[in-house]
Amino acid sequence: MVSKCANPACSASFRYLHAGRLFELETDVRHPDALDSPLQTIEYFWLCEDCARTLEVVVYRGKALVRPRTSDAPPEDFRKRRARGAG
């Protein structure tokens, strides 16, 4: 469940889906006793409007990472991607 901005330096609370940016990412989950490959799971991360202007959430080595955006173009919203039939 998303409850606050994914930026650890921000304390904005999640209230509305239309405010900010929601990210859908496949992250790795590994049970401590498992010897085989980790399972991939879908997780959701939200950045408030202020943080979404300059940051993005990506997967790095199976974990979610908040970092500065690498492009001036706004990140694609997964809801729009799903509406087109991808993902």
N, C-alpha and C. Protein backbone atom coordinates (compact mmCIF):
# COMPACT_ATOMS: atom_id res chain seq x y z
N MET A 1 0.83 -1.17 0.00
CA MET A 1 0.00 0.00 0.00
C MET A 1 0.89 1.24 0.00
N VAL A 2 0.53 2.20 -0.81
CA VAL A 2 1.25 3.46 -0.88
C VAL A 2 0.66 4.41 0.16
N SER A 3 1.50 4.96 1.03
CA SER A 3 0.98 5.87 2.05
C SER A 3 1.67 7.23 2.05
N LYS A 4 2.91 7.28 1.51
CA LYS A 4 3.63 8.55 1.46
C LYS A 4 4.55 8.56 0.25
N CYS A 5 5.11 9.72 0.01
CA CYS A 5 6.03 9.89 -1.11
C CYS A 5 7.20 8.91 -0.97
N ALA A 6 7.63 8.34 -2.08
CA ALA A 6 8.73 7.37 -2.07
C ALA A 6 10.08 8.04 -1.79
N ASN A 7 10.14 9.35 -1.91
CA ASN A 7 11.36 10.08 -1.61
C ASN A 7 11.54 10.09 -0.09
N PRO A 8 12.60 9.47 0.43
CA PRO A 8 12.79 9.42 1.88
C PRO A 8 12.91 10.80 2.52
N ALA A 9 13.32 11.80 1.75
CA ALA A 9 13.48 13.16 2.29
C ALA A 9 12.17 13.95 2.29
N CYS A 10 11.09 13.35 1.80
CA CYS A 10 9.80 14.04 1.70
C CYS A 10 8.78 13.37 2.62
N SER A 11 7.94 14.17 3.23
CA SER A 11 6.94 13.60 4.13
C SER A 11 5.51 13.74 3.60
N ALA A 12 5.36 14.05 2.31
CA ALA A 12 4.03 14.22 1.72
C ALA A 12 3.24 12.92 1.82
N SER A 13 1.99 13.01 2.24
CA SER A 13 1.11 11.85 2.35
C SER A 13 0.34 11.63 1.06
N PHE A 14 0.16 10.36 0.71
CA PHE A 14 -0.63 10.02 -0.48
C PHE A 14 -2.11 10.18 -0.14
N ARG A 15 -2.81 10.99 -0.95
CA ARG A 15 -4.23 11.18 -0.73
C ARG A 15 -5.05 10.92 -1.99
N TYR A 16 -4.53 11.35 -3.13
CA TYR A 16 -5.29 11.24 -4.38
C TYR A 16 -4.42 10.65 -5.48
N LEU A 17 -5.00 9.76 -6.27
CA LEU A 17 -4.26 9.11 -7.35
C LEU A 17 -3.83 10.10 -8.43
N HIS A 18 -4.60 11.16 -8.64
CA HIS A 18 -4.27 12.12 -9.70
C HIS A 18 -3.17 13.10 -9.30
N ALA A 19 -2.79 13.14 -8.04
CA ALA A 19 -1.77 14.07 -7.57
C ALA A 19 -0.42 13.36 -7.50
N GLY A 20 0.54 13.81 -8.25
CA GLY A 20 1.86 13.18 -8.24
C GLY A 20 1.98 12.13 -9.33
N ARG A 21 2.90 11.19 -9.14
CA ARG A 21 3.18 10.17 -10.14
C ARG A 21 3.26 8.82 -9.47
N LEU A 22 2.54 7.84 -10.02
CA LEU A 22 2.53 6.48 -9.50
C LEU A 22 3.39 5.61 -10.41
N PHE A 23 4.28 4.83 -9.82
CA PHE A 23 5.17 3.94 -10.56
C PHE A 23 4.81 2.50 -10.25
N GLU A 24 4.75 1.67 -11.27
CA GLU A 24 4.53 0.22 -11.13
C GLU A 24 5.83 -0.46 -11.54
N LEU A 25 6.48 -1.15 -10.60
CA LEU A 25 7.79 -1.75 -10.86
C LEU A 25 7.82 -3.21 -10.47
N GLU A 26 8.60 -3.99 -11.20
CA GLU A 26 8.85 -5.39 -10.84
C GLU A 26 10.11 -5.43 -10.01
N THR A 27 9.98 -5.80 -8.75
CA THR A 27 11.13 -5.90 -7.86
C THR A 27 11.34 -7.35 -7.47
N ASP A 28 12.53 -7.66 -6.99
CA ASP A 28 12.87 -9.02 -6.57
C ASP A 28 12.56 -9.21 -5.10
N VAL A 29 11.99 -10.37 -4.78
CA VAL A 29 11.74 -10.75 -3.40
C VAL A 29 12.44 -12.08 -3.19
N ARG A 30 13.31 -12.12 -2.22
CA ARG A 30 14.06 -13.35 -1.95
C ARG A 30 13.81 -13.77 -0.51
N HIS A 31 13.35 -14.99 -0.35
CA HIS A 31 13.16 -15.52 0.99
C HIS A 31 14.56 -15.82 1.55
N PRO A 32 14.81 -15.49 2.82
CA PRO A 32 16.16 -15.69 3.39
C PRO A 32 16.68 -17.11 3.28
N ASP A 33 15.79 -18.12 3.28
CA ASP A 33 16.22 -19.51 3.22
C ASP A 33 16.26 -20.07 1.80
N ALA A 34 15.85 -19.27 0.82
CA ALA A 34 15.77 -19.76 -0.56
C ALA A 34 17.15 -19.79 -1.21
N LEU A 35 17.42 -20.86 -1.91
CA LEU A 35 18.68 -20.99 -2.63
C LEU A 35 18.51 -20.69 -4.11
N ASP A 36 17.27 -20.69 -4.58
CA ASP A 36 17.03 -20.47 -6.00
C ASP A 36 16.87 -18.97 -6.30
N SER A 37 16.51 -18.67 -7.51
CA SER A 37 16.37 -17.29 -7.95
C SER A 37 15.25 -16.58 -7.20
N PRO A 38 15.39 -15.26 -7.02
CA PRO A 38 14.34 -14.51 -6.34
C PRO A 38 13.07 -14.46 -7.18
N LEU A 39 11.95 -14.28 -6.51
CA LEU A 39 10.67 -14.11 -7.20
C LEU A 39 10.50 -12.64 -7.53
N GLN A 40 9.90 -12.38 -8.67
CA GLN A 40 9.61 -11.00 -9.03
C GLN A 40 8.18 -10.67 -8.62
N THR A 41 8.01 -9.50 -8.07
CA THR A 41 6.69 -9.06 -7.62
C THR A 41 6.45 -7.64 -8.11
N ILE A 42 5.19 -7.29 -8.29
CA ILE A 42 4.83 -5.94 -8.69
C ILE A 42 4.65 -5.10 -7.43
N GLU A 43 5.33 -3.95 -7.40
CA GLU A 43 5.18 -3.01 -6.29
C GLU A 43 4.85 -1.64 -6.85
N TYR A 44 4.15 -0.85 -6.06
CA TYR A 44 3.76 0.50 -6.47
C TYR A 44 4.44 1.52 -5.58
N PHE A 45 4.94 2.58 -6.21
CA PHE A 45 5.61 3.66 -5.52
C PHE A 45 5.02 4.96 -6.03
N TRP A 46 4.86 5.92 -5.13
CA TRP A 46 4.27 7.20 -5.50
C TRP A 46 5.23 8.32 -5.14
N LEU A 47 5.38 9.26 -6.07
CA LEU A 47 6.12 10.49 -5.80
C LEU A 47 5.12 11.64 -5.83
N CYS A 48 5.18 12.51 -4.84
CA CYS A 48 4.30 13.67 -4.80
C CYS A 48 4.61 14.57 -6.00
N GLU A 49 3.75 15.54 -6.27
CA GLU A 49 3.94 16.41 -7.43
C GLU A 49 5.28 17.11 -7.41
N ASP A 50 5.69 17.63 -6.26
CA ASP A 50 6.97 18.34 -6.18
C ASP A 50 8.15 17.41 -6.49
N CYS A 51 8.17 16.25 -5.89
CA CYS A 51 9.29 15.31 -6.10
C CYS A 51 9.27 14.73 -7.52
N ALA A 52 8.09 14.50 -8.07
CA ALA A 52 7.98 13.91 -9.42
C ALA A 52 8.54 14.83 -10.50
N ARG A 53 8.66 16.12 -10.21
CA ARG A 53 9.24 17.04 -11.19
C ARG A 53 10.72 16.77 -11.43
N THR A 54 11.42 16.27 -10.42
CA THR A 54 12.87 16.10 -10.54
C THR A 54 13.37 14.69 -10.27
N LEU A 55 12.50 13.82 -9.75
CA LEU A 55 12.92 12.46 -9.39
C LEU A 55 12.12 11.41 -10.13
N GLU A 56 12.65 10.19 -10.14
CA GLU A 56 11.94 9.03 -10.68
C GLU A 56 12.25 7.83 -9.80
N VAL A 57 11.43 6.80 -9.91
CA VAL A 57 11.65 5.55 -9.17
C VAL A 57 11.98 4.49 -10.21
N VAL A 58 13.11 3.81 -10.03
CA VAL A 58 13.57 2.78 -10.96
C VAL A 58 13.96 1.54 -10.17
N VAL A 59 14.13 0.44 -10.88
CA VAL A 59 14.62 -0.80 -10.25
C VAL A 59 16.11 -0.91 -10.54
N TYR A 60 16.88 -1.12 -9.49
CA TYR A 60 18.32 -1.32 -9.61
C TYR A 60 18.68 -2.52 -8.75
N ARG A 61 19.23 -3.55 -9.40
CA ARG A 61 19.59 -4.80 -8.71
C ARG A 61 18.43 -5.38 -7.92
N GLY A 62 17.24 -5.29 -8.53
CA GLY A 62 16.06 -5.90 -7.94
C GLY A 62 15.35 -5.08 -6.88
N LYS A 63 15.88 -3.91 -6.56
CA LYS A 63 15.29 -3.05 -5.52
C LYS A 63 14.88 -1.71 -6.12
N ALA A 64 13.85 -1.11 -5.54
CA ALA A 64 13.40 0.21 -5.97
C ALA A 64 14.38 1.27 -5.50
N LEU A 65 14.66 2.22 -6.37
CA LEU A 65 15.60 3.29 -6.07
C LEU A 65 15.01 4.61 -6.54
N VAL A 66 15.03 5.62 -5.69
CA VAL A 66 14.60 6.97 -6.07
C VAL A 66 15.85 7.71 -6.50
N ARG A 67 15.81 8.28 -7.71
CA ARG A 67 16.98 8.99 -8.23
C ARG A 67 16.53 10.19 -9.05
N PRO A 68 17.46 11.10 -9.36
CA PRO A 68 17.11 12.23 -10.22
C PRO A 68 16.68 11.72 -11.60
N ARG A 69 15.68 12.37 -12.18
CA ARG A 69 15.21 11.96 -13.51
C ARG A 69 16.33 12.10 -14.52
N THR A 70 16.40 11.17 -15.45
CA THR A 70 17.45 11.17 -16.45
C THR A 70 17.03 11.82 -17.75
N SER A 71 15.79 12.29 -17.83
CA SER A 71 15.27 12.90 -19.04
C SER A 71 14.40 14.09 -18.67
N ASP A 72 14.33 15.06 -19.57
CA ASP A 72 13.44 16.20 -19.36
C ASP A 72 11.99 15.83 -19.65
N ALA A 73 11.79 14.75 -20.39
CA ALA A 73 10.43 14.32 -20.70
C ALA A 73 9.80 13.72 -19.45
N PRO A 74 8.52 14.01 -19.21
CA PRO A 74 7.89 13.42 -18.03
C PRO A 74 7.81 11.91 -18.16
N PRO A 75 7.98 11.17 -17.06
CA PRO A 75 7.90 9.71 -17.15
C PRO A 75 6.50 9.28 -17.54
N GLU A 76 6.43 8.19 -18.30
CA GLU A 76 5.12 7.69 -18.74
C GLU A 76 4.36 7.13 -17.55
N ASP A 77 3.11 7.45 -17.50
CA ASP A 77 2.24 6.98 -16.44
C ASP A 77 1.79 5.56 -16.79
N PHE A 78 1.96 4.59 -15.89
CA PHE A 78 1.63 3.19 -16.21
C PHE A 78 0.15 3.04 -16.52
N ARG A 79 -0.71 3.92 -15.98
CA ARG A 79 -2.14 3.81 -16.26
C ARG A 79 -2.40 4.07 -17.74
N LYS A 80 -1.68 5.00 -18.34
CA LYS A 80 -1.83 5.27 -19.77
C LYS A 80 -1.31 4.10 -20.59
N ARG A 81 -0.19 3.51 -20.13
CA ARG A 81 0.38 2.35 -20.83
C ARG A 81 -0.60 1.20 -20.83
N ARG A 82 -1.24 0.94 -19.70
CA ARG A 82 -2.21 -0.14 -19.61
C ARG A 82 -3.42 0.14 -20.48
N ALA A 83 -3.83 1.38 -20.57
CA ALA A 83 -4.99 1.74 -21.38
C ALA A 83 -4.73 1.46 -22.86
N ARG A 84 -3.46 1.54 -23.28
CA ARG A 84 -3.10 1.25 -24.66
C ARG A 84 -2.94 -0.24 -24.90
N GLY A 85 -2.93 -1.04 -23.83
CA GLY A 85 -2.85 -2.48 -23.98
C GLY A 85 -1.48 -3.06 -23.70
N ALA A 86 -0.49 -2.23 -23.37
CA ALA A 86 0.84 -2.75 -23.06
C ALA A 86 0.94 -2.97 -21.56
N GLY A 87 1.80 -3.91 -21.15
CA GLY A 87 2.06 -4.09 -19.72
C GLY A 87 1.09 -4.92 -19.10
